[in-house]
């Protein structure tokens, strides 16, 4: 079957057969197809669309291009959480140890930040010595000892997706729901899960800003997960303002440790709330608790009694990190960073905090990456002091930008100030969970 014949089919708006899709994905990961042929077909998919069958077939073929993990010798339900990415989105570091403390085995394969959104692996690497480059055997060892592993995608997991995503990124064909679904689910299904909860972000700081489109993505992800026999549910959650107190890798890890230590700052309450909502959803999916209310109680219990923190401490030690940060989270904070205060330009109520602007500014001072090959400064970031609905006076500090030098803050400080919109009238509260999809 020649590549050009398959490309012609989709170019002309016809559905591809399972065999044609299998030939395409095989050509991607073996290198038989040239990059220009791959991008030609992807563009034809983007323009002419894919059916649900085509979407699921692409997912299956990308999944089968690598290995599926086998955790059948671990006597516990296997589950994970995946987020579509946001600003200050750090809940994995609370959810994984909390679920482990409740008896769920969590093989969490995560990614790195790109653009204005952060990545779980970057937050973990802010912990001195922490190793996210684990083999399958090392992932299983960690799960058996502490209940969870936090690692990056290995070369054995959906290798076709790695190349396909890079070419989609280079050709502006990333924002297409069937290909997003295939990319996400081919990696998550490789974890050998019983249950998966998805955190699909919506709002300015999300990958998809419109609520209707976010719901559509959530429904498509759930449909594909269920087609492969995994109980898949989704929460569509707000990303209007940055989540929690901090944006920036070490700072976000610090915030999660405060939550696990039962020392949650007021500004981080929504981080804890979202972590509890997602984790409790998993407990119900796995049959550990029968109702969402009981599941929330259970998650809050393991945070309050310190057992979730102890699981995280064990995991840090197993993955080569310094477990002393659990007792002294402030060890993660670089005290010699320059602080630039962002001041309110009027009195009133915080009506809006543009999370996209905040994420871009943190990336610009070194806290994120534009290209996958860029390095990241784990220390820098932003402290989100004023939240939507807070009353402020003109000149109050609404946020603090933390950079290596004061000079580094100059190009972005005015942009950060502009991210805060102040109104004389108190805004209506924004619901954190906007929709639930099953």
Protein backbone atom coordinates (compact mmCIF):
# COMPACT_ATOMS: atom_id res chain seq x y z
CA UNK A 1 0.00 0.00 0.00
CA UNK A 2 1.69 3.20 -1.15
CA UNK A 3 1.65 6.30 1.13
CA UNK A 4 0.36 8.47 -1.71
CA UNK A 5 -2.67 6.19 -2.20
CA UNK A 6 -3.61 6.53 1.49
CA UNK A 7 -3.03 10.29 1.41
CA UNK A 8 -5.27 10.56 -1.69
CA UNK A 9 -8.12 8.77 0.13
CA UNK A 10 -8.20 11.29 2.96
CA UNK A 11 -7.44 14.22 0.66
CA UNK A 12 -10.64 13.37 -1.17
CA UNK A 13 -12.63 13.26 2.08
CA UNK A 14 -12.98 9.49 2.34
CA UNK A 15 -12.70 7.47 5.55
CA UNK A 16 -9.56 5.36 5.89
CA UNK A 17 -9.85 1.63 6.49
CA UNK A 18 -8.33 0.04 9.60
CA UNK A 19 -5.66 -1.47 7.36
CA UNK A 20 -4.75 1.88 5.83
CA UNK A 21 -4.46 3.47 9.27
CA UNK A 22 -2.32 0.57 10.50
CA UNK A 23 -0.05 1.02 7.48
CA UNK A 24 0.24 4.76 8.21
CA UNK A 25 1.10 4.40 11.91
CA UNK A 26 3.55 1.59 11.15
CA UNK A 27 5.17 3.88 8.58
CA UNK A 28 5.51 6.63 11.21
CA UNK A 29 7.33 4.65 13.89
CA UNK A 30 9.44 2.51 11.55
CA UNK A 31 10.54 5.51 9.46
CA UNK A 32 9.22 4.02 6.21
CA UNK A 33 7.05 7.10 5.62
CA UNK A 34 8.87 10.36 4.95
CA UNK A 35 8.06 13.37 7.15
CA UNK A 36 6.43 15.20 4.24
CA UNK A 37 4.14 12.23 3.61
CA UNK A 38 3.15 12.03 7.28
CA UNK A 39 2.38 15.75 7.47
CA UNK A 40 0.41 15.61 4.23
CA UNK A 41 -1.89 12.93 5.63
CA UNK A 42 -2.21 14.66 9.01
CA UNK A 43 -3.20 17.91 7.28
CA UNK A 44 -5.80 16.00 5.24
CA UNK A 45 -7.16 14.53 8.50
CA UNK A 46 -7.24 18.00 10.04
CA UNK A 47 -9.12 19.49 7.09
CA UNK A 48 -11.49 16.62 6.19
CA UNK A 49 -12.06 15.07 9.59
CA UNK A 50 -11.97 11.62 11.19
CA UNK A 51 -14.80 9.32 12.26
CA UNK A 52 -14.96 7.80 15.76
CA UNK A 53 -13.82 4.50 14.27
CA UNK A 54 -10.81 6.16 12.63
CA UNK A 55 -10.00 7.97 15.90
CA UNK A 56 -10.09 4.73 17.88
CA UNK A 57 -8.09 2.85 15.25
CA UNK A 58 -5.34 5.50 15.30
CA UNK A 59 -5.33 5.25 19.10
CA UNK A 60 -5.05 1.45 19.00
CA UNK A 61 -2.29 1.44 16.40
CA UNK A 62 -0.25 4.07 18.29
CA UNK A 63 -0.77 2.09 21.51
CA UNK A 64 0.38 -1.11 19.82
CA UNK A 65 3.44 0.59 18.34
CA UNK A 66 4.93 0.17 21.82
CA UNK A 67 4.44 -1.91 24.94
CA UNK A 68 1.51 -2.05 27.34
CA UNK A 69 2.54 -2.27 30.98
CA UNK A 70 1.44 -5.35 32.90
CA UNK A 71 0.71 -4.77 36.59
CA UNK A 72 -1.39 -7.90 37.08
CA UNK A 73 0.90 -9.01 39.92
CA UNK A 74 0.01 -5.90 41.94
CA UNK A 75 -3.09 -6.69 44.03
CA UNK A 76 -4.76 -3.29 43.86
CA UNK A 77 -6.88 -1.35 41.40
CA UNK A 78 -4.71 0.52 38.90
CA UNK A 79 -5.73 4.09 38.14
CA UNK A 80 -4.36 7.41 36.96
CA UNK A 81 -5.29 11.05 36.40
CA UNK A 82 -4.45 13.11 33.34
CA UNK A 83 -4.77 16.85 32.84
CA UNK A 84 -4.90 18.67 29.52
CA UNK A 85 -2.67 21.33 31.11
CA UNK A 86 -3.02 24.72 32.69
CA UNK A 87 -1.27 27.49 34.61
CA UNK A 88 -0.38 26.46 38.16
CA UNK A 89 -1.82 23.01 37.45
CA UNK A 90 -0.03 20.90 40.06
CA UNK A 91 -2.62 18.47 41.42
CA UNK A 92 -0.77 15.28 40.40
CA UNK A 93 1.66 15.77 43.28
CA UNK A 94 -1.23 15.63 45.75
CA UNK A 95 -3.43 13.10 43.97
CA UNK A 96 -0.87 10.30 43.43
CA UNK A 97 0.24 9.96 47.09
CA UNK A 98 -3.33 10.43 48.38
CA UNK A 99 -4.66 7.65 46.13
CA UNK A 100 -1.75 5.40 47.09
CA UNK A 101 -2.59 5.96 50.77
CA UNK A 102 -6.15 4.78 49.97
CA UNK A 103 -5.00 1.53 48.33
CA UNK A 104 -4.90 2.51 44.65
CA UNK A 105 -1.81 1.68 42.57
CA UNK A 106 -0.90 4.70 40.41
CA UNK A 107 1.49 4.37 37.42
CA UNK A 108 1.51 8.07 36.53
CA UNK A 109 3.31 8.74 33.24
CA UNK A 110 3.60 12.51 32.89
CA UNK A 111 5.01 15.12 30.54
CA UNK A 112 7.01 18.33 30.52
CA UNK A 113 5.74 21.86 30.24
CA UNK A 114 5.54 23.61 26.89
CA UNK A 115 4.54 27.22 26.32
CA UNK A 116 2.41 28.75 29.07
CA UNK A 117 1.47 25.43 30.68
CA UNK A 118 3.59 23.63 33.26
CA UNK A 119 4.66 19.98 33.30
CA UNK A 120 4.63 17.50 36.18
CA UNK A 121 8.10 16.22 35.36
CA UNK A 122 9.59 19.72 35.64
CA UNK A 123 7.98 20.18 39.06
CA UNK A 124 9.37 16.84 40.26
CA UNK A 125 12.86 17.64 38.99
CA UNK A 126 12.83 20.70 41.26
CA UNK A 127 13.33 18.14 44.05
CA UNK A 128 17.10 17.57 44.42
CA UNK A 129 18.09 14.21 42.92
CA UNK A 130 14.58 13.16 41.87
CA UNK A 131 14.70 10.76 38.91
CA UNK A 132 11.80 10.69 36.45
CA UNK A 133 13.61 8.54 33.87
CA UNK A 134 12.40 5.16 35.06
CA UNK A 135 12.31 1.82 33.28
CA UNK A 136 9.18 -0.31 33.47
CA UNK A 137 10.84 -2.45 36.15
CA UNK A 138 11.64 0.66 38.21
CA UNK A 139 8.06 1.95 37.85
CA UNK A 140 6.72 -1.37 39.09
CA UNK A 141 9.20 -1.43 41.99
CA UNK A 142 8.11 2.03 43.14
CA UNK A 143 4.44 1.07 42.89
CA UNK A 144 4.98 -2.06 44.96
CA UNK A 145 6.84 -0.17 47.68
CA UNK A 146 4.89 3.09 48.01
CA UNK A 147 1.84 2.66 45.80
CA UNK A 148 2.76 4.99 42.95
CA UNK A 149 5.43 6.05 40.48
CA UNK A 150 5.88 9.40 38.76
CA UNK A 151 7.82 9.06 35.53
CA UNK A 152 8.25 10.30 31.98
CA UNK A 153 7.24 8.54 28.79
CA UNK A 154 9.78 5.87 27.85
CA UNK A 155 10.80 5.00 24.31
CA UNK A 156 8.70 1.84 24.66
CA UNK A 157 5.41 3.68 25.25
CA UNK A 158 3.53 4.71 22.09
CA UNK A 159 6.66 5.62 20.09
CA UNK A 160 4.54 6.53 17.05
CA UNK A 161 2.90 9.31 19.06
CA UNK A 162 6.21 10.94 19.92
CA UNK A 163 7.12 11.52 16.26
CA UNK A 164 3.58 12.28 15.14
CA UNK A 165 3.10 14.93 17.84
CA UNK A 166 6.37 16.65 16.94
CA UNK A 167 5.27 16.90 13.29
CA UNK A 168 1.77 18.10 14.27
CA UNK A 169 3.36 20.78 16.45
CA UNK A 170 5.55 21.92 13.53
CA UNK A 171 2.63 22.08 11.10
CA UNK A 172 -0.06 23.78 13.29
CA UNK A 173 -2.28 20.67 13.36
CA UNK A 174 -2.21 20.07 17.14
CA UNK A 175 -5.67 21.55 18.00
CA UNK A 176 -7.82 18.82 16.45
CA UNK A 177 -9.84 16.74 18.91
CA UNK A 178 -9.58 13.23 17.34
CA UNK A 179 -5.77 13.52 17.12
CA UNK A 180 -5.58 14.99 20.65
CA UNK A 181 -7.60 12.02 21.88
CA UNK A 182 -5.37 9.50 20.08
CA UNK A 183 -2.22 11.17 21.45
CA UNK A 184 -3.41 11.27 25.07
CA UNK A 185 -5.16 7.92 25.20
CA UNK A 186 -2.47 5.90 23.42
CA UNK A 187 -0.10 6.80 26.27
CA UNK A 188 -2.61 6.42 29.10
CA UNK A 189 -3.91 3.08 27.85
CA UNK A 190 -0.32 1.81 27.83
CA UNK A 191 -0.35 2.06 31.63
CA UNK A 192 -2.60 -1.01 31.98
CA UNK A 193 -5.27 0.89 33.92
CA UNK A 194 -8.60 -0.11 35.41
CA UNK A 195 -9.74 3.50 35.77
CA UNK A 196 -8.76 6.93 34.49
CA UNK A 197 -9.98 10.38 35.49
CA UNK A 198 -9.35 13.28 33.12
CA UNK A 199 -9.02 16.91 34.13
CA UNK A 200 -10.03 18.81 30.99
CA UNK A 201 -9.25 22.49 31.47
CA UNK A 202 -11.38 25.31 30.08
CA UNK A 203 -10.79 29.06 30.03
CA UNK A 204 -8.08 31.53 29.02
CA UNK A 205 -5.18 29.51 30.41
CA UNK A 206 -6.37 26.20 28.95
CA UNK A 207 -5.45 24.49 25.72
CA UNK A 208 -9.10 24.90 24.72
CA UNK A 209 -10.75 28.09 25.99
CA UNK A 210 -14.40 27.49 25.04
CA UNK A 211 -16.48 25.43 27.48
CA UNK A 212 -18.45 23.72 24.70
CA UNK A 213 -15.25 22.56 22.98
CA UNK A 214 -13.75 21.43 26.30
CA UNK A 215 -16.85 19.31 26.93
CA UNK A 216 -16.56 17.86 23.43
CA UNK A 217 -12.94 16.89 24.06
CA UNK A 218 -13.86 15.37 27.44
CA UNK A 219 -16.65 13.30 25.84
CA UNK A 220 -14.34 12.09 23.05
CA UNK A 221 -11.64 11.08 25.54
CA UNK A 222 -14.13 9.18 27.69
CA UNK A 223 -15.65 7.41 24.69
CA UNK A 224 -12.25 6.18 23.52
CA UNK A 225 -11.18 5.08 26.99
CA UNK A 226 -14.35 3.03 27.42
CA UNK A 227 -13.93 1.52 23.95
CA UNK A 228 -10.66 0.06 25.23
CA UNK A 229 -12.22 -1.31 28.44
CA UNK A 230 -10.98 1.39 30.84
CA UNK A 231 -13.49 3.15 33.12
CA UNK A 232 -12.84 6.70 31.93
CA UNK A 233 -14.50 9.81 33.36
CA UNK A 234 -13.74 13.50 33.07
CA UNK A 235 -14.10 16.71 35.02
CA UNK A 236 -14.12 19.91 32.99
CA UNK A 237 -12.46 22.43 35.30
CA UNK A 238 -11.90 26.18 35.30
CA UNK A 239 -8.65 27.74 34.11
CA UNK A 240 -9.76 31.39 34.11
CA UNK A 241 -7.16 32.32 36.74
CA UNK A 242 -3.98 30.44 37.72
CA UNK A 243 -4.71 27.50 40.00
CA UNK A 244 -3.60 28.03 43.57
CA UNK A 245 -0.89 30.20 45.09
CA UNK A 246 2.13 29.61 42.86
CA UNK A 247 3.13 29.29 39.21
CA UNK A 248 6.63 27.89 38.68
CA UNK A 249 8.14 24.46 39.18
CA UNK A 250 9.81 24.49 42.60
CA UNK A 251 7.15 26.87 43.92
CA UNK A 252 4.30 24.58 42.84
CA UNK A 253 6.00 21.56 44.41
CA UNK A 254 6.35 23.61 47.60
CA UNK A 255 2.61 24.40 47.50
CA UNK A 256 1.73 20.71 47.15
CA UNK A 257 3.93 19.83 50.11
CA UNK A 258 2.13 22.44 52.22
CA UNK A 259 -1.20 20.82 51.26
CA UNK A 260 0.09 17.33 52.11
CA UNK A 261 1.38 18.69 55.42
CA UNK A 262 -2.14 20.02 56.15
CA UNK A 263 -0.80 23.59 56.06
CA UNK A 264 -2.77 24.80 53.03
CA UNK A 265 -2.56 28.60 52.52
CA UNK A 266 -5.85 30.39 51.73
CA UNK A 267 -4.72 31.05 48.16
CA UNK A 268 -4.07 27.33 47.63
CA UNK A 269 -7.50 26.13 48.75
CA UNK A 270 -8.66 25.59 45.16
CA UNK A 271 -5.59 23.43 44.49
CA UNK A 272 -6.60 21.22 47.40
CA UNK A 273 -10.27 21.29 46.38
CA UNK A 274 -9.52 20.17 42.83
CA UNK A 275 -7.07 17.51 44.03
CA UNK A 276 -9.74 16.11 46.35
CA UNK A 277 -12.42 16.17 43.62
CA UNK A 278 -10.27 14.29 41.11
CA UNK A 279 -8.89 11.79 43.62
CA UNK A 280 -12.30 11.07 45.14
CA UNK A 281 -13.69 10.43 41.66
CA UNK A 282 -11.06 7.71 41.24
CA UNK A 283 -11.98 6.09 44.58
CA UNK A 284 -15.58 5.74 43.40
CA UNK A 285 -14.48 4.47 39.97
CA UNK A 286 -12.31 1.82 41.67
CA UNK A 287 -15.08 0.76 44.05
CA UNK A 288 -13.09 1.71 47.15
CA UNK A 289 -15.84 4.13 48.21
CA UNK A 290 -19.47 4.01 47.12
CA UNK A 291 -20.36 7.71 47.13
CA UNK A 292 -18.50 10.89 46.18
CA UNK A 293 -19.08 12.33 49.68
CA UNK A 294 -17.48 9.33 51.38
CA UNK A 295 -14.64 9.40 48.87
CA UNK A 296 -13.93 13.08 49.59
CA UNK A 297 -13.87 12.31 53.32
CA UNK A 298 -11.40 9.49 52.72
CA UNK A 299 -9.02 11.68 50.69
CA UNK A 300 -9.17 14.46 53.28
CA UNK A 301 -8.46 11.88 56.01
CA UNK A 302 -5.25 10.63 54.43
CA UNK A 303 -4.08 14.22 54.02
CA UNK A 304 -5.02 15.12 57.61
CA UNK A 305 -3.41 12.06 59.23
CA UNK A 306 -0.15 12.42 57.28
CA UNK A 307 -0.35 9.09 55.44
CA UNK A 308 -0.43 10.77 52.00
CA UNK A 309 2.66 12.81 52.92
CA UNK A 310 4.40 9.64 54.11
CA UNK A 311 3.68 7.96 50.75
CA UNK A 312 5.22 10.96 48.99
CA UNK A 313 8.26 10.82 51.26
CA UNK A 314 8.71 7.11 50.45
CA UNK A 315 8.33 7.81 46.73
CA UNK A 316 10.90 10.62 46.77
CA UNK A 317 13.41 8.32 48.45
CA UNK A 318 12.67 5.46 46.02
CA UNK A 319 13.15 7.76 43.01
CA UNK A 320 16.45 9.17 44.24
CA UNK A 321 15.26 12.50 45.64
CA UNK A 322 15.87 14.20 48.97
CA UNK A 323 13.00 13.15 51.29
CA UNK A 324 13.94 15.84 53.82
CA UNK A 325 11.88 18.33 51.83
CA UNK A 326 8.78 16.68 53.32
CA UNK A 327 9.87 17.94 56.74
CA UNK A 328 11.30 21.22 55.44
CA UNK A 329 9.51 22.22 52.22
CA UNK A 330 11.21 25.62 52.35
CA UNK A 331 14.39 23.85 51.18
CA UNK A 332 12.85 24.04 47.69
CA UNK A 333 12.71 27.84 47.71
CA UNK A 334 15.72 29.80 46.52
CA UNK A 335 15.99 32.68 49.01
CA UNK A 336 18.21 34.85 46.82
CA UNK A 337 15.67 35.42 44.09
CA UNK A 338 14.75 38.99 43.21
CA UNK A 339 11.18 39.94 44.13
CA UNK A 340 9.17 42.30 41.93
CA UNK A 341 5.83 43.29 43.44
CA UNK A 342 2.86 43.70 41.12
CA UNK A 343 0.59 46.42 42.51
CA UNK A 344 -3.13 47.03 42.07
CA UNK A 345 -3.78 50.06 39.87
CA UNK A 346 -7.19 50.74 41.43
CA UNK A 347 -9.37 49.91 44.43
CA UNK A 348 -12.18 47.37 44.13
CA UNK A 349 -12.57 43.65 43.54
CA UNK A 350 -10.36 41.40 41.46
CA UNK A 351 -12.60 40.60 38.49
CA UNK A 352 -10.13 38.66 36.34
CA UNK A 353 -6.58 37.33 36.41
CA UNK A 354 -5.49 36.41 32.88
CA UNK A 355 -3.87 33.03 33.41
CA UNK A 356 -2.50 32.93 29.86
CA UNK A 357 -0.57 36.16 30.49
CA UNK A 358 0.73 34.85 33.83
CA UNK A 359 1.85 31.58 32.26
CA UNK A 360 3.56 33.33 29.36
CA UNK A 361 5.38 35.73 31.73
CA UNK A 362 6.68 32.91 33.93
CA UNK A 363 7.85 31.11 30.79
CA UNK A 364 9.55 34.30 29.56
CA UNK A 365 11.66 34.64 32.74
CA UNK A 366 12.89 31.05 32.38
CA UNK A 367 10.19 29.03 34.13
CA UNK A 368 8.92 27.38 30.94
CA UNK A 369 10.03 26.39 27.48
CA UNK A 370 9.07 27.40 23.97
CA UNK A 371 10.66 24.34 22.32
CA UNK A 372 10.83 20.86 23.85
CA UNK A 373 14.65 21.09 23.81
CA UNK A 374 14.75 24.29 25.94
CA UNK A 375 16.06 24.13 29.50
CA UNK A 376 13.97 25.33 32.45
CA UNK A 377 14.87 27.37 35.52
CA UNK A 378 12.99 25.48 38.25
CA UNK A 379 13.37 28.26 40.82
CA UNK A 380 11.65 31.23 39.17
CA UNK A 381 7.93 31.85 39.18
CA UNK A 382 4.99 33.92 40.34
CA UNK A 383 3.12 34.15 43.64
CA UNK A 384 -0.59 34.76 43.03
CA UNK A 385 -1.60 36.70 46.15
CA UNK A 386 -4.91 38.23 45.03
CA UNK A 387 -7.55 35.87 43.67
CA UNK A 388 -10.75 36.58 41.76
CA UNK A 389 -13.29 38.06 44.18
CA UNK A 390 -10.71 39.50 46.59
CA UNK A 391 -11.11 43.14 47.62
CA UNK A 392 -7.96 45.24 47.10
CA UNK A 393 -6.91 48.84 47.53
CA UNK A 394 -4.90 50.81 45.00
CA UNK A 395 -1.21 50.04 45.59
CA UNK A 396 -1.83 46.66 47.28
CA UNK A 397 0.44 43.80 46.23
CA UNK A 398 -1.59 41.42 44.04
CA UNK A 399 1.34 39.20 43.09
CA UNK A 400 5.10 38.77 43.35
CA UNK A 401 7.35 37.84 40.42
CA UNK A 402 10.41 35.83 41.48
CA UNK A 403 13.40 36.04 39.11
CA UNK A 404 17.15 35.50 39.21
CA UNK A 405 17.78 39.24 38.84
CA UNK A 406 15.60 42.35 39.09
CA UNK A 407 16.53 43.15 35.48
CA UNK A 408 14.97 39.89 34.29
CA UNK A 409 11.57 41.08 35.54
CA UNK A 410 11.53 44.32 33.55
CA UNK A 411 10.18 42.96 30.23
CA UNK A 412 7.15 41.28 31.87
CA UNK A 413 6.20 43.22 35.00
CA UNK A 414 3.82 45.59 33.17
CA UNK A 415 2.21 42.65 31.37
CA UNK A 416 1.58 40.98 34.74
CA UNK A 417 0.03 44.17 36.08
CA UNK A 418 -2.25 44.22 33.04
CA UNK A 419 -3.34 40.63 33.75
CA UNK A 420 -5.30 41.87 36.79
CA UNK A 421 -8.68 43.46 36.09
CA UNK A 422 -10.28 45.34 38.98
CA UNK A 423 -13.97 46.22 39.20
CA UNK A 424 -15.97 48.30 41.69
CA UNK A 425 -18.51 45.47 41.85
CA UNK A 426 -17.85 42.07 43.40
CA UNK A 427 -17.84 39.39 40.66
CA UNK A 428 -19.87 36.22 40.84
CA UNK A 429 -17.87 33.20 42.07
CA UNK A 430 -16.51 30.95 39.32
CA UNK A 431 -17.28 27.26 39.78
CA UNK A 432 -14.13 25.16 39.82
CA UNK A 433 -15.78 22.08 38.28
CA UNK A 434 -17.78 23.24 35.24
CA UNK A 435 -19.00 19.83 34.07
CA UNK A 436 -18.70 16.09 34.73
CA UNK A 437 -18.56 13.64 31.84
CA UNK A 438 -19.03 9.89 32.23
